[in-house]
Amino acid sequence: MGDAAIPAGNTVVSDQPQIKMVNLVWALLAIGILLPTNLRVYFELRKENPDGQMIQRLMRNYIRTVAIQGAMQIGIIFVMSHLASGVR
């Protein structure tokens, strides 16, 4: 098949600034919030007497962050369908 040229007026979806922004936010949430939270919960659970209140608070924030990511995934589906439909 080879390298097919993209027809005039069409763009690669990943080149859209909306997609780049969503990906940046996902990366920041994952590296800045989710990973450290998982590590803090893991190390707290390994203690002799884990602090249940702290784990509960950390997991509450974790769930909120995952909910934000879910909302962003729904948003990106709308952006992608808008781009795919060609509506300008």
N, C-alpha and C. Protein backbone atom coordinates (compact mmCIF):
# COMPACT_ATOMS: atom_id res chain seq x y z
N MET A 1 0.82 -1.19 0.00
CA MET A 1 0.00 0.00 0.00
C MET A 1 0.87 1.26 0.00
N GLY A 2 1.94 1.25 0.75
CA GLY A 2 2.84 2.40 0.74
C GLY A 2 2.31 3.57 1.56
N ASP A 3 2.95 4.70 1.38
CA ASP A 3 2.56 5.92 2.08
C ASP A 3 1.48 6.63 1.29
N ALA A 4 0.29 6.70 1.83
CA ALA A 4 -0.81 7.39 1.17
C ALA A 4 -0.82 8.84 1.62
N ALA A 5 -1.00 9.73 0.70
CA ALA A 5 -1.08 11.15 1.03
C ALA A 5 -2.43 11.43 1.67
N ILE A 6 -2.42 12.36 2.62
CA ILE A 6 -3.66 12.78 3.26
C ILE A 6 -4.34 13.79 2.34
N PRO A 7 -5.60 13.56 2.00
CA PRO A 7 -6.30 14.49 1.11
C PRO A 7 -6.32 15.91 1.68
N ALA A 8 -6.38 16.88 0.78
CA ALA A 8 -6.41 18.29 1.20
C ALA A 8 -7.61 18.54 2.09
N GLY A 9 -7.40 19.31 3.15
CA GLY A 9 -8.48 19.64 4.07
C GLY A 9 -8.60 18.68 5.23
N ASN A 10 -7.99 17.53 5.13
CA ASN A 10 -8.03 16.57 6.23
C ASN A 10 -6.72 16.65 7.01
N THR A 11 -6.81 16.43 8.29
CA THR A 11 -5.61 16.43 9.13
C THR A 11 -5.56 15.17 9.95
N VAL A 12 -4.39 14.84 10.40
CA VAL A 12 -4.24 13.71 11.29
C VAL A 12 -4.80 14.12 12.65
N VAL A 13 -5.62 13.26 13.24
CA VAL A 13 -6.32 13.61 14.48
C VAL A 13 -5.32 13.99 15.58
N SER A 14 -4.20 13.29 15.68
CA SER A 14 -3.25 13.56 16.77
C SER A 14 -2.57 14.91 16.61
N ASP A 15 -2.70 15.56 15.44
CA ASP A 15 -2.11 16.88 15.25
C ASP A 15 -3.02 18.00 15.76
N GLN A 16 -4.23 17.67 16.15
CA GLN A 16 -5.17 18.68 16.63
C GLN A 16 -4.74 19.16 18.02
N PRO A 17 -4.78 20.47 18.27
CA PRO A 17 -4.35 20.98 19.58
C PRO A 17 -5.21 20.47 20.73
N GLN A 18 -6.50 20.20 20.48
CA GLN A 18 -7.36 19.69 21.55
C GLN A 18 -6.86 18.33 22.03
N ILE A 19 -6.46 17.48 21.09
CA ILE A 19 -5.99 16.14 21.42
C ILE A 19 -4.67 16.22 22.18
N LYS A 20 -3.79 17.10 21.73
CA LYS A 20 -2.50 17.26 22.41
C LYS A 20 -2.70 17.75 23.85
N MET A 21 -3.65 18.66 24.04
CA MET A 21 -3.89 19.19 25.38
C MET A 21 -4.45 18.10 26.30
N VAL A 22 -5.38 17.31 25.80
CA VAL A 22 -5.95 16.24 26.60
C VAL A 22 -4.87 15.22 26.96
N ASN A 23 -4.01 14.88 26.01
CA ASN A 23 -2.94 13.93 26.29
C ASN A 23 -1.97 14.48 27.33
N LEU A 24 -1.67 15.77 27.27
CA LEU A 24 -0.79 16.39 28.25
C LEU A 24 -1.41 16.33 29.64
N VAL A 25 -2.69 16.64 29.74
CA VAL A 25 -3.36 16.61 31.04
C VAL A 25 -3.40 15.18 31.58
N TRP A 26 -3.68 14.19 30.71
CA TRP A 26 -3.67 12.79 31.15
C TRP A 26 -2.31 12.40 31.69
N ALA A 27 -1.26 12.79 31.00
CA ALA A 27 0.09 12.44 31.45
C ALA A 27 0.41 13.09 32.79
N LEU A 28 0.03 14.36 32.95
CA LEU A 28 0.29 15.05 34.21
C LEU A 28 -0.50 14.43 35.36
N LEU A 29 -1.75 14.06 35.11
CA LEU A 29 -2.54 13.41 36.15
C LEU A 29 -1.94 12.06 36.53
N ALA A 30 -1.53 11.30 35.53
CA ALA A 30 -0.99 9.96 35.80
C ALA A 30 0.33 10.03 36.56
N ILE A 31 1.23 10.86 36.11
CA ILE A 31 2.56 10.92 36.72
C ILE A 31 2.54 11.75 38.01
N GLY A 32 1.73 12.80 38.03
CA GLY A 32 1.75 13.70 39.17
C GLY A 32 0.81 13.34 40.31
N ILE A 33 -0.27 12.60 40.02
CA ILE A 33 -1.24 12.31 41.08
C ILE A 33 -1.44 10.81 41.28
N LEU A 34 -1.76 10.09 40.20
CA LEU A 34 -2.12 8.68 40.36
C LEU A 34 -0.95 7.82 40.83
N LEU A 35 0.19 7.95 40.19
CA LEU A 35 1.34 7.13 40.58
C LEU A 35 1.79 7.42 42.01
N PRO A 36 1.98 8.68 42.41
CA PRO A 36 2.36 8.93 43.80
C PRO A 36 1.32 8.46 44.81
N THR A 37 0.05 8.58 44.46
CA THR A 37 -1.01 8.12 45.37
C THR A 37 -0.92 6.61 45.55
N ASN A 38 -0.75 5.89 44.45
CA ASN A 38 -0.62 4.44 44.55
C ASN A 38 0.57 4.05 45.42
N LEU A 39 1.68 4.74 45.25
CA LEU A 39 2.86 4.42 46.06
C LEU A 39 2.64 4.74 47.53
N ARG A 40 2.00 5.88 47.81
CA ARG A 40 1.74 6.23 49.21
C ARG A 40 0.82 5.23 49.88
N VAL A 41 -0.23 4.78 49.16
CA VAL A 41 -1.14 3.78 49.72
C VAL A 41 -0.40 2.46 49.93
N TYR A 42 0.42 2.06 48.97
CA TYR A 42 1.17 0.82 49.08
C TYR A 42 2.08 0.84 50.31
N PHE A 43 2.84 1.92 50.46
CA PHE A 43 3.77 1.98 51.59
C PHE A 43 3.03 2.10 52.92
N GLU A 44 1.89 2.75 52.92
CA GLU A 44 1.10 2.85 54.15
C GLU A 44 0.55 1.48 54.54
N LEU A 45 0.10 0.70 53.55
CA LEU A 45 -0.44 -0.63 53.84
C LEU A 45 0.63 -1.60 54.34
N ARG A 46 1.88 -1.34 53.99
CA ARG A 46 2.96 -2.22 54.43
C ARG A 46 3.41 -1.94 55.86
N LYS A 47 2.96 -0.84 56.43
CA LYS A 47 3.34 -0.50 57.81
C LYS A 47 2.70 -1.48 58.79
N GLU A 48 3.29 -1.51 59.97
CA GLU A 48 2.79 -2.37 61.05
C GLU A 48 1.34 -2.01 61.39
N ASN A 49 1.08 -0.70 61.55
CA ASN A 49 -0.26 -0.20 61.85
C ASN A 49 -0.65 0.84 60.81
N PRO A 50 -1.24 0.43 59.69
CA PRO A 50 -1.61 1.41 58.65
C PRO A 50 -2.69 2.37 59.15
N ASP A 51 -2.58 3.60 58.70
CA ASP A 51 -3.54 4.64 59.05
C ASP A 51 -4.71 4.58 58.06
N GLY A 52 -5.82 4.02 58.48
CA GLY A 52 -6.98 3.84 57.62
C GLY A 52 -7.56 5.16 57.13
N GLN A 53 -7.53 6.18 58.00
CA GLN A 53 -8.07 7.49 57.60
C GLN A 53 -7.25 8.09 56.47
N MET A 54 -5.95 7.95 56.54
CA MET A 54 -5.10 8.50 55.49
C MET A 54 -5.33 7.75 54.18
N ILE A 55 -5.44 6.44 54.25
CA ILE A 55 -5.68 5.63 53.05
C ILE A 55 -7.02 6.00 52.44
N GLN A 56 -8.02 6.20 53.28
CA GLN A 56 -9.34 6.58 52.79
C GLN A 56 -9.29 7.93 52.09
N ARG A 57 -8.59 8.89 52.66
CA ARG A 57 -8.47 10.22 52.06
C ARG A 57 -7.72 10.15 50.73
N LEU A 58 -6.64 9.38 50.70
CA LEU A 58 -5.87 9.24 49.46
C LEU A 58 -6.71 8.59 48.36
N MET A 59 -7.45 7.56 48.71
CA MET A 59 -8.25 6.86 47.71
C MET A 59 -9.43 7.71 47.23
N ARG A 60 -9.97 8.56 48.09
CA ARG A 60 -11.04 9.47 47.68
C ARG A 60 -10.52 10.41 46.59
N ASN A 61 -9.31 10.97 46.81
CA ASN A 61 -8.72 11.83 45.80
C ASN A 61 -8.38 11.06 44.53
N TYR A 62 -7.95 9.82 44.69
CA TYR A 62 -7.64 8.97 43.54
C TYR A 62 -8.88 8.75 42.68
N ILE A 63 -10.00 8.44 43.33
CA ILE A 63 -11.25 8.20 42.60
C ILE A 63 -11.71 9.46 41.89
N ARG A 64 -11.56 10.61 42.52
CA ARG A 64 -11.92 11.88 41.86
C ARG A 64 -11.07 12.09 40.61
N THR A 65 -9.79 11.83 40.73
CA THR A 65 -8.90 12.01 39.59
C THR A 65 -9.26 11.07 38.45
N VAL A 66 -9.57 9.82 38.77
CA VAL A 66 -9.96 8.85 37.74
C VAL A 66 -11.29 9.27 37.11
N ALA A 67 -12.20 9.85 37.89
CA ALA A 67 -13.46 10.34 37.33
C ALA A 67 -13.21 11.49 36.35
N ILE A 68 -12.27 12.36 36.67
CA ILE A 68 -11.91 13.45 35.76
C ILE A 68 -11.36 12.87 34.46
N GLN A 69 -10.53 11.85 34.58
CA GLN A 69 -9.99 11.22 33.38
C GLN A 69 -11.10 10.58 32.55
N GLY A 70 -12.06 9.97 33.20
CA GLY A 70 -13.19 9.39 32.47
C GLY A 70 -13.99 10.44 31.73
N ALA A 71 -14.21 11.58 32.37
CA ALA A 71 -14.92 12.67 31.70
C ALA A 71 -14.12 13.18 30.51
N MET A 72 -12.81 13.23 30.66
CA MET A 72 -11.96 13.66 29.55
C MET A 72 -12.02 12.66 28.40
N GLN A 73 -12.10 11.37 28.70
CA GLN A 73 -12.21 10.37 27.65
C GLN A 73 -13.51 10.54 26.86
N ILE A 74 -14.59 10.83 27.55
CA ILE A 74 -15.86 11.09 26.87
C ILE A 74 -15.73 12.35 26.02
N GLY A 75 -15.08 13.36 26.56
CA GLY A 75 -14.86 14.59 25.80
C GLY A 75 -14.05 14.36 24.54
N ILE A 76 -13.03 13.53 24.64
CA ILE A 76 -12.20 13.29 23.46
C ILE A 76 -12.96 12.50 22.41
N ILE A 77 -13.89 11.65 22.82
CA ILE A 77 -14.73 10.95 21.86
C ILE A 77 -15.56 11.96 21.07
N PHE A 78 -16.10 12.97 21.75
CA PHE A 78 -16.87 14.01 21.05
C PHE A 78 -15.98 14.80 20.10
N VAL A 79 -14.78 15.15 20.54
CA VAL A 79 -13.86 15.90 19.67
C VAL A 79 -13.51 15.06 18.45
N MET A 80 -13.19 13.78 18.66
CA MET A 80 -12.81 12.93 17.53
C MET A 80 -13.98 12.73 16.56
N SER A 81 -15.19 12.55 17.08
CA SER A 81 -16.34 12.38 16.19
C SER A 81 -16.62 13.67 15.42
N HIS A 82 -16.40 14.81 16.07
CA HIS A 82 -16.57 16.10 15.39
C HIS A 82 -15.56 16.22 14.25
N LEU A 83 -14.31 15.85 14.50
CA LEU A 83 -13.28 15.93 13.47
C LEU A 83 -13.55 14.92 12.36
N ALA A 84 -13.99 13.73 12.71
CA ALA A 84 -14.24 12.70 11.71
C ALA A 84 -15.43 13.03 10.82
N SER A 85 -16.40 13.74 11.37
CA SER A 85 -17.60 14.07 10.58
C SER A 85 -17.33 15.20 9.59
N GLY A 86 -16.24 15.91 9.80
CA GLY A 86 -15.90 17.00 8.89
C GLY A 86 -16.65 18.28 9.15
N VAL A 87 -17.38 18.35 10.24
CA VAL A 87 -18.12 19.58 10.58
C VAL A 87 -17.10 20.63 11.01
N ARG A 88 -17.18 21.79 10.44
CA ARG A 88 -16.22 22.85 10.77
C ARG A 88 -16.90 23.98 11.48
